[in-house]
C-alpha atoms as a PDB file:
ATOM      1  CA  UNK A   1      -7.314  22.322 -31.825  1.00  0.00           C
ATOM      2  CA  UNK A   2      -4.216  23.057 -29.776  1.00  0.00           C
ATOM      3  CA  UNK A   3      -4.406  23.714 -26.050  1.00  0.00           C
ATOM      4  CA  UNK A   4      -3.794  27.524 -26.140  1.00  0.00           C
ATOM      5  CA  UNK A   5      -6.446  27.957 -28.852  1.00  0.00           C
ATOM      6  CA  UNK A   6      -8.886  25.774 -26.925  1.00  0.00           C
ATOM      7  CA  UNK A   7      -8.327  27.875 -23.794  1.00  0.00           C
ATOM      8  CA  UNK A   8      -8.830  31.085 -25.761  1.00  0.00           C
ATOM      9  CA  UNK A   9     -12.050  29.723 -27.290  1.00  0.00           C
ATOM     10  CA  UNK A  10     -13.267  28.770 -23.809  1.00  0.00           C
ATOM     11  CA  UNK A  11     -12.517  32.217 -22.380  1.00  0.00           C
ATOM     12  CA  UNK A  12     -13.966  34.135 -25.352  1.00  0.00           C
ATOM     13  CA  UNK A  13     -17.601  34.217 -24.091  1.00  0.00           C
ATOM     14  CA  UNK A  14     -16.461  35.425 -20.667  1.00  0.00           C
ATOM     15  CA  UNK A  15     -14.670  38.362 -22.283  1.00  0.00           C
ATOM     16  CA  UNK A  16     -17.051  39.056 -25.181  1.00  0.00           C
ATOM     17  CA  UNK A  17     -20.300  39.039 -23.192  1.00  0.00           C
ATOM     18  CA  UNK A  18     -19.340  41.820 -20.745  1.00  0.00           C
ATOM     19  CA  UNK A  19     -17.997  43.915 -23.615  1.00  0.00           C
ATOM     20  CA  UNK A  20     -21.216  43.401 -25.588  1.00  0.00           C
ATOM     21  CA  UNK A  21     -23.293  44.238 -22.482  1.00  0.00           C
ATOM     22  CA  UNK A  22     -21.355  47.475 -21.955  1.00  0.00           C
ATOM     23  CA  UNK A  23     -21.863  48.387 -25.613  1.00  0.00           C
ATOM     24  CA  UNK A  24     -25.623  47.710 -25.492  1.00  0.00           C
ATOM     25  CA  UNK A  25     -26.006  49.564 -22.182  1.00  0.00           C
ATOM     26  CA  UNK A  26     -24.218  52.530 -23.787  1.00  0.00           C
ATOM     27  CA  UNK A  27     -26.557  52.438 -26.790  1.00  0.00           C
ATOM     28  CA  UNK A  28     -29.673  52.229 -24.614  1.00  0.00           C
ATOM     29  CA  UNK A  29     -28.326  54.941 -22.304  1.00  0.00           C
ATOM     30  CA  UNK A  30     -27.745  57.307 -25.204  1.00  0.00           C
ATOM     31  CA  UNK A  31     -31.326  56.742 -26.416  1.00  0.00           C
ATOM     32  CA  UNK A  32     -33.324  56.904 -23.176  1.00  0.00           C
ATOM     33  CA  UNK A  33     -30.896  58.482 -20.713  1.00  0.00           C
ATOM     34  CA  UNK A  34     -28.680  57.169 -17.954  1.00  0.00           C
ATOM     35  CA  UNK A  35     -31.312  57.277 -15.204  1.00  0.00           C
ATOM     36  CA  UNK A  36     -33.878  55.242 -17.123  1.00  0.00           C
ATOM     37  CA  UNK A  37     -31.214  52.788 -18.215  1.00  0.00           C
ATOM     38  CA  UNK A  38     -30.175  52.304 -14.599  1.00  0.00           C
ATOM     39  CA  UNK A  39     -33.813  51.757 -13.600  1.00  0.00           C
ATOM     40  CA  UNK A  40     -34.245  49.156 -16.357  1.00  0.00           C
ATOM     41  CA  UNK A  41     -31.162  47.299 -15.142  1.00  0.00           C
ATOM     42  CA  UNK A  42     -32.486  47.382 -11.556  1.00  0.00           C
ATOM     43  CA  UNK A  43     -35.861  46.129 -12.788  1.00  0.00           C
ATOM     44  CA  UNK A  44     -34.093  43.171 -14.421  1.00  0.00           C
ATOM     45  CA  UNK A  45     -32.335  42.336 -11.157  1.00  0.00           C
ATOM     46  CA  UNK A  46     -35.606  42.552  -9.207  1.00  0.00           C
ATOM     47  CA  UNK A  47     -37.447  40.457 -11.802  1.00  0.00           C
ATOM     48  CA  UNK A  48     -34.724  37.805 -11.678  1.00  0.00           C
ATOM     49  CA  UNK A  49     -34.968  37.623  -7.906  1.00  0.00           C
ATOM     50  CA  UNK A  50     -38.733  37.231  -8.070  1.00  0.00           C
ATOM     51  CA  UNK A  51     -38.502  34.587 -10.784  1.00  0.00           C
ATOM     52  CA  UNK A  52     -36.067  32.485  -8.799  1.00  0.00           C
ATOM     53  CA  UNK A  53     -38.184  32.855  -5.692  1.00  0.00           C
ATOM     54  CA  UNK A  54     -41.668  32.161  -7.066  1.00  0.00           C
ATOM     55  CA  UNK A  55     -41.239  30.203 -10.282  1.00  0.00           C
ATOM     56  CA  UNK A  56     -38.483  28.094  -8.814  1.00  0.00           C
ATOM     57  CA  UNK A  57     -40.671  27.340  -5.787  1.00  0.00           C
ATOM     58  CA  UNK A  58     -43.565  26.388  -8.090  1.00  0.00           C
ATOM     59  CA  UNK A  59     -41.483  23.960 -10.118  1.00  0.00           C
ATOM     60  CA  UNK A  60     -39.908  22.429  -7.009  1.00  0.00           C
ATOM     61  CA  UNK A  61     -43.385  22.003  -5.489  1.00  0.00           C
ATOM     62  CA  UNK A  62     -44.378  20.142  -8.662  1.00  0.00           C
ATOM     63  CA  UNK A  63     -41.393  17.829  -8.230  1.00  0.00           C
ATOM     64  CA  UNK A  64     -42.390  17.118  -4.638  1.00  0.00           C
ATOM     65  CA  UNK A  65     -45.977  16.377  -5.734  1.00  0.00           C
ATOM     66  CA  UNK A  66     -44.728  13.929  -8.346  1.00  0.00           C
ATOM     67  CA  UNK A  67     -42.614  12.161  -5.740  1.00  0.00           C
ATOM     68  CA  UNK A  68     -45.508  11.936  -3.305  1.00  0.00           C
ATOM     69  CA  UNK A  69     -47.806  10.652  -6.057  1.00  0.00           C
ATOM     70  CA  UNK A  70     -45.286   7.956  -6.974  1.00  0.00           C
ATOM     71  CA  UNK A  71     -45.032   6.886  -3.327  1.00  0.00           C
ATOM     72  CA  UNK A  72     -48.816   6.784  -2.878  1.00  0.00           C
ATOM     73  CA  UNK A  73     -49.411   4.751  -6.000  1.00  0.00           C
ATOM     74  CA  UNK A  74     -46.294   2.575  -5.610  1.00  0.00           C
ATOM     75  CA  UNK A  75     -46.974   1.075  -8.997  1.00  0.00           C
ATOM     76  CA  UNK A  76     -44.822  -1.684 -10.366  1.00  0.00           C
ATOM     77  CA  UNK A  77     -46.058  -1.264 -13.939  1.00  0.00           C
ATOM     78  CA  UNK A  78     -42.994  -0.264 -15.992  1.00  0.00           C
ATOM     79  CA  UNK A  79     -44.983   1.958 -18.361  1.00  0.00           C
ATOM     80  CA  UNK A  80     -46.479   3.949 -15.469  1.00  0.00           C
ATOM     81  CA  UNK A  81     -43.062   4.248 -13.815  1.00  0.00           C
ATOM     82  CA  UNK A  82     -41.513   5.380 -17.101  1.00  0.00           C
ATOM     83  CA  UNK A  83     -44.221   8.025 -17.605  1.00  0.00           C
ATOM     84  CA  UNK A  84     -43.730   9.299 -14.045  1.00  0.00           C
ATOM     85  CA  UNK A  85     -39.968   9.344 -14.591  1.00  0.00           C
ATOM     86  CA  UNK A  86     -40.322  11.337 -17.801  1.00  0.00           C
ATOM     87  CA  UNK A  87     -42.611  13.855 -16.107  1.00  0.00           C
ATOM     88  CA  UNK A  88     -40.243  14.191 -13.143  1.00  0.00           C
ATOM     89  CA  UNK A  89     -37.288  14.623 -15.506  1.00  0.00           C
ATOM     90  CA  UNK A  90     -39.165  17.330 -17.404  1.00  0.00           C
ATOM     91  CA  UNK A  91     -40.063  19.108 -14.154  1.00  0.00           C
ATOM     92  CA  UNK A  92     -36.449  18.930 -12.951  1.00  0.00           C
ATOM     93  CA  UNK A  93     -35.194  20.259 -16.281  1.00  0.00           C
ATOM     94  CA  UNK A  94     -37.775  23.060 -16.086  1.00  0.00           C
ATOM     95  CA  UNK A  95     -36.524  23.922 -12.603  1.00  0.00           C
ATOM     96  CA  UNK A  96     -32.975  24.127 -13.901  1.00  0.00           C
ATOM     97  CA  UNK A  97     -33.929  26.281 -16.890  1.00  0.00           C
ATOM     98  CA  UNK A  98     -36.036  28.627 -14.722  1.00  0.00           C
ATOM     99  CA  UNK A  99     -33.241  29.064 -12.192  1.00  0.00           C
ATOM    100  CA  UNK A 100     -30.765  29.658 -15.024  1.00  0.00           C
ATOM    101  CA  UNK A 101     -33.168  32.281 -16.410  1.00  0.00           C
ATOM    102  CA  UNK A 102     -33.432  33.949 -13.010  1.00  0.00           C
ATOM    103  CA  UNK A 103     -29.656  34.063 -12.671  1.00  0.00           C
ATOM    104  CA  UNK A 104     -29.349  35.562 -16.151  1.00  0.00           C
ATOM    105  CA  UNK A 105     -31.949  38.188 -15.223  1.00  0.00           C
ATOM    106  CA  UNK A 106     -30.032  39.095 -12.052  1.00  0.00           C
ATOM    107  CA  UNK A 107     -26.804  39.683 -14.005  1.00  0.00           C
ATOM    108  CA  UNK A 108     -26.855  43.370 -15.000  1.00  0.00           C
ATOM    109  CA  UNK A 109     -27.288  43.908 -18.718  1.00  0.00           C
ATOM    110  CA  UNK A 110     -29.811  43.692 -21.517  1.00  0.00           C
ATOM    111  CA  UNK A 111     -28.372  40.711 -23.407  1.00  0.00           C
ATOM    112  CA  UNK A 112     -28.436  38.479 -20.333  1.00  0.00           C
ATOM    113  CA  UNK A 113     -31.931  39.801 -19.515  1.00  0.00           C
ATOM    114  CA  UNK A 114     -33.162  38.770 -22.965  1.00  0.00           C
ATOM    115  CA  UNK A 115     -31.607  35.300 -22.578  1.00  0.00           C
ATOM    116  CA  UNK A 116     -33.068  35.036 -19.077  1.00  0.00           C
ATOM    117  CA  UNK A 117     -36.544  35.885 -20.316  1.00  0.00           C
ATOM    118  CA  UNK A 118     -36.242  33.169 -22.974  1.00  0.00           C
ATOM    119  CA  UNK A 119     -35.479  30.681 -20.201  1.00  0.00           C
ATOM    120  CA  UNK A 120     -38.339  31.849 -17.958  1.00  0.00           C
ATOM    121  CA  UNK A 121     -41.228  32.282 -20.387  1.00  0.00           C
ATOM    122  CA  UNK A 122     -43.369  29.119 -20.480  1.00  0.00           C
ATOM    123  CA  UNK A 123     -43.700  29.033 -24.277  1.00  0.00           C
ATOM    124  CA  UNK A 124     -39.934  29.300 -24.950  1.00  0.00           C
ATOM    125  CA  UNK A 125     -38.806  27.108 -22.033  1.00  0.00           C
ATOM    126  CA  UNK A 126     -39.269  23.777 -23.904  1.00  0.00           C
ATOM    127  CA  UNK A 127     -37.073  25.063 -26.745  1.00  0.00           C
ATOM    128  CA  UNK A 128     -34.325  26.123 -24.323  1.00  0.00           C
ATOM    129  CA  UNK A 129     -34.656  22.810 -22.455  1.00  0.00           C
ATOM    130  CA  UNK A 130     -34.191  20.842 -25.699  1.00  0.00           C
ATOM    131  CA  UNK A 131     -31.286  23.050 -26.774  1.00  0.00           C
ATOM    132  CA  UNK A 132     -29.474  22.554 -23.465  1.00  0.00           C
ATOM    133  CA  UNK A 133     -30.214  18.811 -23.580  1.00  0.00           C
ATOM    134  CA  UNK A 134     -28.786  18.549 -27.093  1.00  0.00           C
ATOM    135  CA  UNK A 135     -25.632  20.445 -26.129  1.00  0.00           C
ATOM    136  CA  UNK A 136     -25.111  18.330 -22.993  1.00  0.00           C
ATOM    137  CA  UNK A 137     -25.722  15.093 -24.908  1.00  0.00           C
ATOM    138  CA  UNK A 138     -23.192  16.135 -27.558  1.00  0.00           C
ATOM    139  CA  UNK A 139     -20.620  16.968 -24.865  1.00  0.00           C
ATOM    140  CA  UNK A 140     -21.148  13.594 -23.166  1.00  0.00           C
ATOM    141  CA  UNK A 141     -20.979  11.725 -26.471  1.00  0.00           C
ATOM    142  CA  UNK A 142     -17.704  13.448 -27.390  1.00  0.00           C
ATOM    143  CA  UNK A 143     -16.195  13.061 -23.939  1.00  0.00           C
ATOM    144  CA  UNK A 144     -13.450  10.439 -23.818  1.00  0.00           C
ATOM    145  CA  UNK A 145     -14.535   9.563 -20.283  1.00  0.00           C
ATOM    146  CA  UNK A 146     -18.104   8.613 -21.263  1.00  0.00           C
ATOM    147  CA  UNK A 147     -18.063   7.822 -24.968  1.00  0.00           C
ATOM    148  CA  UNK A 148     -16.394   4.410 -24.600  1.00  0.00           C
ATOM    149  CA  UNK A 149     -18.909   3.276 -22.005  1.00  0.00           C
ATOM    150  CA  UNK A 150     -21.842   4.412 -24.109  1.00  0.00           C
ATOM    151  CA  UNK A 151     -20.561   2.747 -27.253  1.00  0.00           C
ATOM    152  CA  UNK A 152     -19.820  -0.501 -25.451  1.00  0.00           C
ATOM    153  CA  UNK A 153     -23.349  -0.641 -24.090  1.00  0.00           C
ATOM    154  CA  UNK A 154     -25.071  -0.740 -27.490  1.00  0.00           C
ATOM    155  CA  UNK A 155     -25.755  -3.856 -29.467  1.00  0.00           C
ATOM    156  CA  UNK A 156     -26.770  -3.531 -33.106  1.00  0.00           C
ATOM    157  CA  UNK A 157     -29.219  -6.240 -34.091  1.00  0.00           C
ATOM    158  CA  UNK A 158     -29.422  -7.512 -37.688  1.00  0.00           C
ATOM    159  CA  UNK A 159     -32.783  -5.787 -38.165  1.00  0.00           C
ATOM    160  CA  UNK A 160     -31.137  -2.415 -37.420  1.00  0.00           C
ATOM    161  CA  UNK A 161     -32.574  -1.950 -33.947  1.00  0.00           C
ATOM    162  CA  UNK A 162     -30.231  -0.873 -31.180  1.00  0.00           C
ATOM    163  CA  UNK A 163     -30.493  -2.707 -27.895  1.00  0.00           C
ATOM    164  CA  UNK A 164     -29.094  -0.763 -24.977  1.00  0.00           C
ATOM    165  CA  UNK A 165     -27.759  -2.692 -22.060  1.00  0.00           C
ATOM    166  CA  UNK A 166     -24.946  -3.084 -19.615  1.00  0.00           C
ATOM    167  CA  UNK A 167     -21.814  -4.990 -20.506  1.00  0.00           C
ATOM    168  CA  UNK A 168     -20.427  -6.913 -17.562  1.00  0.00           C
ATOM    169  CA  UNK A 169     -17.010  -8.493 -17.817  1.00  0.00           C
ATOM    170  CA  UNK A 170     -17.013 -11.746 -15.786  1.00  0.00           C
ATOM    171  CA  UNK A 171     -13.305 -11.333 -15.041  1.00  0.00           C
ATOM    172  CA  UNK A 172     -13.890  -7.995 -13.293  1.00  0.00           C
ATOM    173  CA  UNK A 173     -16.134  -9.192 -10.470  1.00  0.00           C
ATOM    174  CA  UNK A 174     -16.316  -7.443  -7.130  1.00  0.00           C
ATOM    175  CA  UNK A 175     -16.800  -9.131  -3.790  1.00  0.00           C
ATOM    176  CA  UNK A 176     -20.326  -7.719  -3.372  1.00  0.00           C
ATOM    177  CA  UNK A 177     -21.527  -9.054  -6.754  1.00  0.00           C
ATOM    178  CA  UNK A 178     -23.816 -12.082  -6.748  1.00  0.00           C
ATOM    179  CA  UNK A 179     -22.164 -15.314  -7.853  1.00  0.00           C
ATOM    180  CA  UNK A 180     -22.131 -16.048 -11.549  1.00  0.00           C
ATOM    181  CA  UNK A 181     -24.690 -18.602 -12.749  1.00  0.00           C
ATOM    182  CA  UNK A 182     -23.269 -22.061 -13.391  1.00  0.00           C
ATOM    183  CA  UNK A 183     -22.318 -22.775 -16.963  1.00  0.00           C
ATOM    184  CA  UNK A 184     -24.018 -25.595 -18.800  1.00  0.00           C
ATOM    185  CA  UNK A 185     -21.792 -28.294 -20.169  1.00  0.00           C
ATOM    186  CA  UNK A 186     -22.135 -29.097 -23.867  1.00  0.00           C
END
């Protein structure tokens, strides 16, 4: 895709969403009246503020509890550390999705309110979290900055398993790196 088309495709949601919001607000206003429509929009703003304040605080408190629990237990078992890491990652992702939902609720309009509610409701939050994770992973995989590093760090074994690791070039050593192990003579 050429650069002007790519720019236009990037700007399209920023132009289309406000136009769609204005259209939907006009439809709702013609059905229930301008005053009630205005009150609904204000209710969305107030709900978004409350969501960010309370739900965001709850999720951040959960993150703090997980950190304190990890410090108290100070386990060195990799499986326990991995489970705690997964739970902390999920809690952090939940915090991000909830705050995104609150921001969407604060933005005046019914389309953004509907998207914000999807982000905030506990039974739709995992779906939104997975969707955002998939989109971000696809962006990182297609990024020229990161894709080479990710591909270089995978080793395909003959049995089909992929072993992830870090590729270190011995010629590109820094001064703070530990010395290379001595090589055995044949």
